[in-house]
Structure formats: structure tokens, C-alpha cells
Amino acid sequence: MTSVTFMVDRRTRTDRRRPSRHPLADDLAAAMQTGVLDILFQPQFACKDNALSGAEALVRWEHGVHGDLAGDAVFDIAAGSGQSLALSAHVRRAALAEATKWPENLRLSLNVTARDLEESDFAEAVLEELRESGFPADRLTLEITEQALLDDVEESARILSRLTAAGVAISLDDFGAGFCNFQYLKALPLAALKLDRSMVTGVCSDPRDLAVFRGIVAMAKALDLRVVAEGIETEAQRDAVKSEGCDRWQGFLGGKPMPAKEFANLI
């Protein structure tokens, strides 16, 4: 199978285990075909000097009847209509195409779903998309939640290792949002932990929250992992995560998810 045929198959195929039955399935398929899904970029900053360090790509759909649908809602529709793989690939290709215009010091972060990791050719698909776009693998971070890893951690580790061998960084997303399985820290080829906003909310007001935050950062540093703090909304929170040793921060203080043109202006 040639690389071109491989990519066409992945872009058009549906999830085998889910019939297309969601009422918005046809609308979503049309939105992907016509390119009306919006790819937004939420900026990320270096803690040491607050310099722009990159952005996380997110999807938004302005539906004519149902209004503004954020990323989770769009992926729920895709999951209920057998289009999860197609949507993930669509977001990756669009975000990579935009990120090729950025300065070389900026990184792109993309989210990975549980459905993505169920595909044995997921790593090959991402690497092919990188080759097609020309975006360097060593400037890409894939963010994976613990929920996406529940089925088969060992297989996920094998798939992700193929990506890290090419230079892609893997980050464990939403860390601290729920049950934390520390097996993931040992089994997966991680480069970073992204701390959930719930880990940040009380760091300036609650000594226990600060102690927990401090302990997780210390653990991450002992494992040689970078730490990204999510949900930063105040300067006090930003200063606190910086003083505790975080590497990067992201949140409304720095900017909400924004269209590509607005992010280009920020750059």
C-alpha cells in the first residue's frame, strides 16, 4: 500500500464498531468535507520569561441550528456516528498545515483520543501527516488523557514509542483530574505532565492544595518530565506555578482558544 492510498483510506473510513446513527452525523461529514470546522489555538507560555512557546490546537463547529459546539461536543458526535478517526485526522492535518507558518521556536500540541490509540497504524498515520505537512516531528506534542489509556496500556506504549523514536513528545494530559494511575508514568514514553486546572485553582489560597501541587511537580522532576500547568487565570497563579518549578503554563490569563489569524497576530 502506498503512502497516498494509506492516507486516503484513513481520511475516509469510519469506525467499524459504530454504525452511523447520530442525528448530526451527515452534518459533521459535510463540515469536514467543506472545511467549515474551525481549528482554534490556545497559546502556551514558558514560565521562566512568559514568552510564547506554542499552542494547543482545538476544534470548534459553528452549527447553523445548534450554534457553537466546542471540541468535546464535536468529538462526541463523531464517536456516535463512526467518524472519530476521520475527525482526529482532519484536526491534525489542519493544525499541522497552520503550524508550518509559525517561527521555529514554537511547538504544536494535539490531543489524542482513545479511539485513535485503538488503531495499530495510528503512529504511522501521524508520521505520514508530518511528512506531508513538512512540520518537524520534534516540535509536535501529543496530549493523551488517562481515560484514553484504560484499555491496553502496553499496546498504547508500543504505539507511542514509535512516535517518540521519530522525535514526537508525549504528554499525559489532565493529570490530577481524576484517578491517577501511576503505572502510566512507568509504562509510557512520556516527556511531560499537563496538570489539570483543578490542581491549580487553590495553589494561592489553600496550603494543602499547594502541598499536593508541590509534591506532583517534585515527582515529575524526579522522573525528568516537563510540567505544564493548565487553567491559569490570574497573575498570582502564574507566579505560583513558576515558583514551584513548572516549565510552561496555559490558560485564559494568556489567551482563550483563538482562530489561526488571531494567533498569528499574537506571534
Protein backbone atom coordinates (compact mmCIF):
# COMPACT_ATOMS: atom_id res chain seq x y z
CA MET A 1 0.00 0.00 0.00
CA THR A 2 1.48 3.36 -0.96
CA SER A 3 1.51 6.26 1.49
CA VAL A 4 -1.03 8.20 -0.60
CA THR A 5 -3.52 5.32 -0.59
CA PHE A 6 -2.93 4.83 3.14
CA MET A 7 -3.82 8.43 3.91
CA VAL A 8 -6.91 8.46 1.69
CA ASP A 9 -8.21 5.31 3.38
CA ARG A 10 -7.72 6.75 6.84
CA ARG A 11 -9.34 10.06 5.99
CA THR A 12 -12.49 8.48 4.63
CA ARG A 13 -13.05 5.33 6.68
CA THR A 14 -15.50 5.16 9.54
CA ASP A 15 -15.18 3.38 12.86
CA ARG A 16 -16.05 -0.26 12.19
CA ARG A 17 -17.71 -0.89 15.55
CA ARG A 18 -20.13 2.07 15.46
CA PRO A 19 -22.96 2.46 12.95
CA SER A 20 -23.72 5.98 11.69
CA ARG A 21 -26.78 6.88 13.72
CA HIS A 22 -26.13 10.27 15.37
CA PRO A 23 -28.62 12.86 14.07
CA LEU A 24 -25.79 15.26 13.20
CA ALA A 25 -23.63 12.61 11.50
CA ASP A 26 -24.29 13.85 7.98
CA ASP A 27 -23.79 17.47 9.02
CA LEU A 28 -20.42 16.64 10.57
CA ALA A 29 -19.28 14.71 7.50
CA ALA A 30 -20.24 17.68 5.33
CA ALA A 31 -18.49 20.11 7.67
CA MET A 32 -15.24 18.17 7.36
CA GLN A 33 -15.57 17.93 3.58
CA THR A 34 -16.23 21.64 3.12
CA GLY A 35 -13.69 22.79 5.70
CA VAL A 36 -16.09 24.76 7.89
CA LEU A 37 -14.83 23.30 11.16
CA ASP A 38 -12.76 25.91 12.96
CA ILE A 39 -9.34 24.99 14.32
CA LEU A 40 -8.53 27.19 17.31
CA PHE A 41 -5.19 27.66 19.03
CA GLN A 42 -4.78 28.34 22.74
CA PRO A 43 -1.37 29.84 23.45
CA GLN A 44 1.14 28.30 25.84
CA PHE A 45 3.92 30.22 27.58
CA ALA A 46 7.30 29.50 29.12
CA CYS A 47 7.29 30.01 32.88
CA LYS A 48 10.80 31.43 33.04
CA ASP A 49 10.04 34.55 31.00
CA ASN A 50 6.37 34.29 29.92
CA ALA A 51 7.47 34.09 26.29
CA LEU A 52 5.10 32.42 23.84
CA SER A 53 6.20 28.79 23.47
CA GLY A 54 3.46 27.31 21.27
CA ALA A 55 -0.23 26.44 21.25
CA GLU A 56 -2.72 23.63 21.71
CA ALA A 57 -5.00 23.02 18.73
CA LEU A 58 -8.72 22.63 19.45
CA VAL A 59 -11.76 22.20 17.22
CA ARG A 60 -14.97 24.25 17.18
CA TRP A 61 -18.04 23.88 14.98
CA GLU A 62 -20.44 26.74 14.33
CA HIS A 63 -23.55 24.72 13.51
CA GLY A 64 -26.37 26.51 11.71
CA VAL A 65 -29.06 25.15 14.04
CA HIS A 66 -27.31 24.10 17.25
CA GLY A 67 -24.93 27.03 17.49
CA ASP A 68 -21.35 26.96 18.74
CA LEU A 69 -20.19 23.41 19.52
CA ALA A 70 -16.89 23.06 21.38
CA GLY A 71 -14.36 20.29 20.91
CA ASP A 72 -15.78 17.71 23.34
CA ALA A 73 -19.24 18.05 21.83
CA VAL A 74 -17.89 17.68 18.30
CA PHE A 75 -15.93 14.57 19.22
CA ASP A 76 -19.00 13.11 20.96
CA ILE A 77 -20.92 13.49 17.71
CA ALA A 78 -18.06 11.87 15.83
CA ALA A 79 -17.92 8.99 18.31
CA GLY A 80 -21.65 8.40 17.92
CA SER A 81 -21.51 8.35 14.15
CA GLY A 82 -18.38 6.34 13.39
CA GLN A 83 -16.32 9.39 12.43
CA SER A 84 -13.83 9.66 15.30
CA LEU A 85 -10.83 8.66 13.20
CA ALA A 86 -11.79 10.97 10.36
CA LEU A 87 -12.29 13.93 12.73
CA SER A 88 -8.98 13.35 14.50
CA ALA A 89 -7.14 13.18 11.19
CA HIS A 90 -8.94 16.31 9.96
CA VAL A 91 -7.91 18.31 13.03
CA ARG A 92 -4.31 17.09 12.85
CA ARG A 93 -3.89 17.93 9.18
CA ALA A 94 -5.44 21.38 9.52
CA ALA A 95 -3.42 22.25 12.63
CA LEU A 96 -0.15 20.99 11.14
CA ALA A 97 -0.74 23.00 7.97
CA GLU A 98 -1.18 26.16 10.04
CA ALA A 99 1.74 25.45 12.38
CA THR A 100 4.17 25.24 9.45
CA LYS A 101 3.83 29.04 9.23
CA TRP A 102 5.00 29.57 12.82
CA PRO A 103 8.52 30.53 13.94
CA GLU A 104 10.77 27.57 14.62
CA ASN A 105 10.75 28.09 18.39
CA LEU A 106 7.01 27.39 18.74
CA ARG A 107 5.54 23.95 19.44
CA LEU A 108 2.18 22.50 18.44
CA SER A 109 0.15 20.35 20.84
CA LEU A 110 -2.54 17.98 19.57
CA ASN A 111 -4.99 15.84 21.51
CA VAL A 112 -5.21 12.08 21.07
CA THR A 113 -8.44 10.15 21.66
CA ALA A 114 -8.96 6.63 22.95
CA ARG A 115 -10.26 5.67 19.51
CA ASP A 116 -7.01 6.87 17.92
CA LEU A 117 -4.97 4.59 20.15
CA GLU A 118 -7.08 1.58 19.25
CA GLU A 119 -5.72 1.75 15.70
CA SER A 120 -2.49 -0.18 15.21
CA ASP A 121 -1.47 2.21 12.42
CA PHE A 122 -2.01 5.40 14.44
CA ALA A 123 1.71 6.18 14.73
CA GLU A 124 2.24 5.64 11.02
CA ALA A 125 -0.70 7.94 10.22
CA VAL A 126 0.72 10.77 12.34
CA LEU A 127 4.20 10.36 10.86
CA GLU A 128 2.76 10.43 7.35
CA GLU A 129 0.83 13.61 8.19
CA LEU A 130 4.03 15.17 9.48
CA ARG A 131 5.83 14.28 6.24
CA GLU A 132 3.00 15.67 4.13
CA SER A 133 2.87 18.95 6.06
CA GLY A 134 6.61 19.43 6.47
CA PHE A 135 6.17 20.21 10.18
CA PRO A 136 9.12 18.90 12.24
CA ALA A 137 8.32 15.94 14.46
CA ASP A 138 10.44 17.37 17.28
CA ARG A 139 8.13 20.38 17.55
CA LEU A 140 4.98 18.27 18.00
CA THR A 141 3.48 17.23 21.33
CA LEU A 142 0.64 14.70 21.53
CA GLU A 143 -1.53 15.10 24.63
CA ILE A 144 -3.17 11.94 25.93
CA THR A 145 -5.64 11.70 28.80
CA GLU A 146 -5.66 8.81 31.26
CA GLN A 147 -9.13 7.84 30.01
CA ALA A 148 -7.67 7.19 26.56
CA LEU A 149 -5.24 4.65 28.02
CA LEU A 150 -7.51 2.47 30.12
CA ASP A 151 -7.96 -0.43 27.69
CA ASP A 152 -4.41 -1.52 26.90
CA VAL A 153 -1.55 0.46 28.37
CA GLU A 154 1.14 -1.84 26.98
CA GLU A 155 -0.18 -1.56 23.42
CA SER A 156 -0.51 2.22 23.81
CA ALA A 157 3.11 2.34 24.97
CA ARG A 158 4.24 0.41 21.89
CA ILE A 159 2.33 2.72 19.55
CA LEU A 160 3.58 5.87 21.25
CA SER A 161 7.17 4.63 21.30
CA ARG A 162 7.14 4.59 17.50
CA LEU A 163 6.30 8.29 17.63
CA THR A 164 8.84 9.24 20.26
CA ALA A 165 11.53 7.45 18.23
CA ALA A 166 10.80 9.98 15.48
CA GLY A 167 11.07 12.93 17.88
CA VAL A 168 7.41 13.49 18.85
CA ALA A 169 6.86 14.35 22.54
CA ILE A 170 4.09 12.65 24.54
CA SER A 171 2.32 14.48 27.37
CA LEU A 172 -0.10 12.96 29.89
CA ASP A 173 -2.98 15.44 29.85
CA ASP A 174 -5.45 16.44 32.60
CA PHE A 175 -3.20 14.89 35.25
CA GLY A 176 -4.91 15.10 38.64
CA ALA A 177 -8.43 15.45 37.24
CA GLY A 178 -9.49 12.03 38.50
CA PHE A 179 -7.98 8.71 39.46
CA CYS A 180 -4.24 8.81 38.76
CA ASN A 181 -2.77 5.51 37.66
CA PHE A 182 0.93 5.85 38.36
CA GLN A 183 1.57 2.82 36.15
CA TYR A 184 1.28 5.22 33.22
CA LEU A 185 4.30 7.15 34.47
CA LYS A 186 6.38 3.99 34.33
CA ALA A 187 4.97 2.36 31.21
CA LEU A 188 4.60 5.23 28.77
CA PRO A 189 7.34 7.14 26.93
CA LEU A 190 6.33 10.47 28.47
CA ALA A 191 8.09 13.79 28.09
CA ALA A 192 5.66 15.91 30.12
CA LEU A 193 2.75 16.05 32.53
CA LYS A 194 0.00 18.55 31.91
CA LEU A 195 -1.68 19.34 35.21
CA ASP A 196 -5.44 19.76 35.20
CA ARG A 197 -6.87 23.14 36.12
CA SER A 198 -8.27 21.62 39.32
CA MET A 199 -4.68 21.25 40.51
CA VAL A 200 -4.08 24.98 40.08
CA THR A 201 -7.25 26.57 41.44
CA GLY A 202 -6.27 26.59 45.12
CA VAL A 203 -2.48 26.94 44.97
CA CYS A 204 -2.63 30.58 46.08
CA SER A 205 -5.16 30.14 48.87
CA ASP A 206 -5.07 26.61 50.27
CA PRO A 207 -1.87 25.23 51.87
CA ARG A 208 -2.99 21.65 51.25
CA ASP A 209 -3.62 22.34 47.57
CA LEU A 210 -0.18 23.90 47.34
CA ALA A 211 1.40 20.92 49.10
CA VAL A 212 -0.23 18.48 46.67
CA PHE A 213 0.82 20.60 43.71
CA ARG A 214 4.36 20.84 45.04
CA GLY A 215 4.54 17.07 45.53
CA ILE A 216 3.37 16.30 41.98
CA VAL A 217 5.86 18.73 40.46
CA ALA A 218 8.66 17.19 42.53
CA MET A 219 7.65 13.72 41.35
CA ALA A 220 7.59 14.86 37.73
CA LYS A 221 11.02 16.42 38.05
CA ALA A 222 12.39 13.23 39.61
CA LEU A 223 11.14 11.40 36.50
CA ASP A 224 12.72 14.05 34.24
CA LEU A 225 9.33 15.19 32.95
CA ARG A 226 8.42 18.74 31.97
CA VAL A 227 5.38 20.17 33.76
CA VAL A 228 2.70 22.25 32.08
CA ALA A 229 0.11 23.97 34.30
CA GLU A 230 -3.31 24.37 32.71
CA GLY A 231 -6.10 26.73 33.71
CA ILE A 232 -4.01 29.74 34.69
CA GLU A 233 -6.42 32.65 35.08
CA THR A 234 -4.60 35.08 37.39
CA GLU A 235 -1.12 36.51 37.68
CA ALA A 236 -0.90 35.07 41.20
CA GLN A 237 -1.50 31.56 39.84
CA ARG A 238 1.07 32.11 37.11
CA ASP A 239 3.66 33.31 39.61
CA ALA A 240 2.91 30.39 41.94
CA VAL A 241 3.37 27.66 39.30
CA LYS A 242 6.54 29.36 38.13
CA SER A 243 7.98 29.46 41.65
CA GLU A 244 7.12 25.77 42.14
CA GLY A 245 9.13 24.76 39.09
CA CYS A 246 6.62 24.38 36.24
CA ASP A 247 8.03 24.74 32.74
CA ARG A 248 5.03 26.09 30.85
CA TRP A 249 1.59 27.48 31.54
CA GLN A 250 -1.66 27.80 29.64
CA GLY A 251 -4.95 29.50 30.46
CA PHE A 252 -7.23 32.46 29.99
CA LEU A 253 -4.62 34.80 31.50
CA GLY A 254 -2.56 34.24 28.37
CA GLY A 255 -5.46 33.91 25.97
CA LYS A 256 -8.55 31.90 25.17
CA PRO A 257 -8.58 29.50 22.19
CA MET A 258 -8.40 31.73 19.13
CA PRO A 259 -8.62 31.46 15.34
CA ALA A 260 -5.41 30.96 13.39
CA LYS A 261 -5.29 34.58 12.21
CA GLU A 262 -5.59 35.89 15.75
CA PHE A 263 -2.85 33.56 16.93
CA ALA A 264 -0.68 34.74 14.04
CA ASN A 265 -1.17 38.31 15.28
CA LEU A 266 -0.15 37.20 18.78
CA ILE A 267 3.03 35.73 17.36
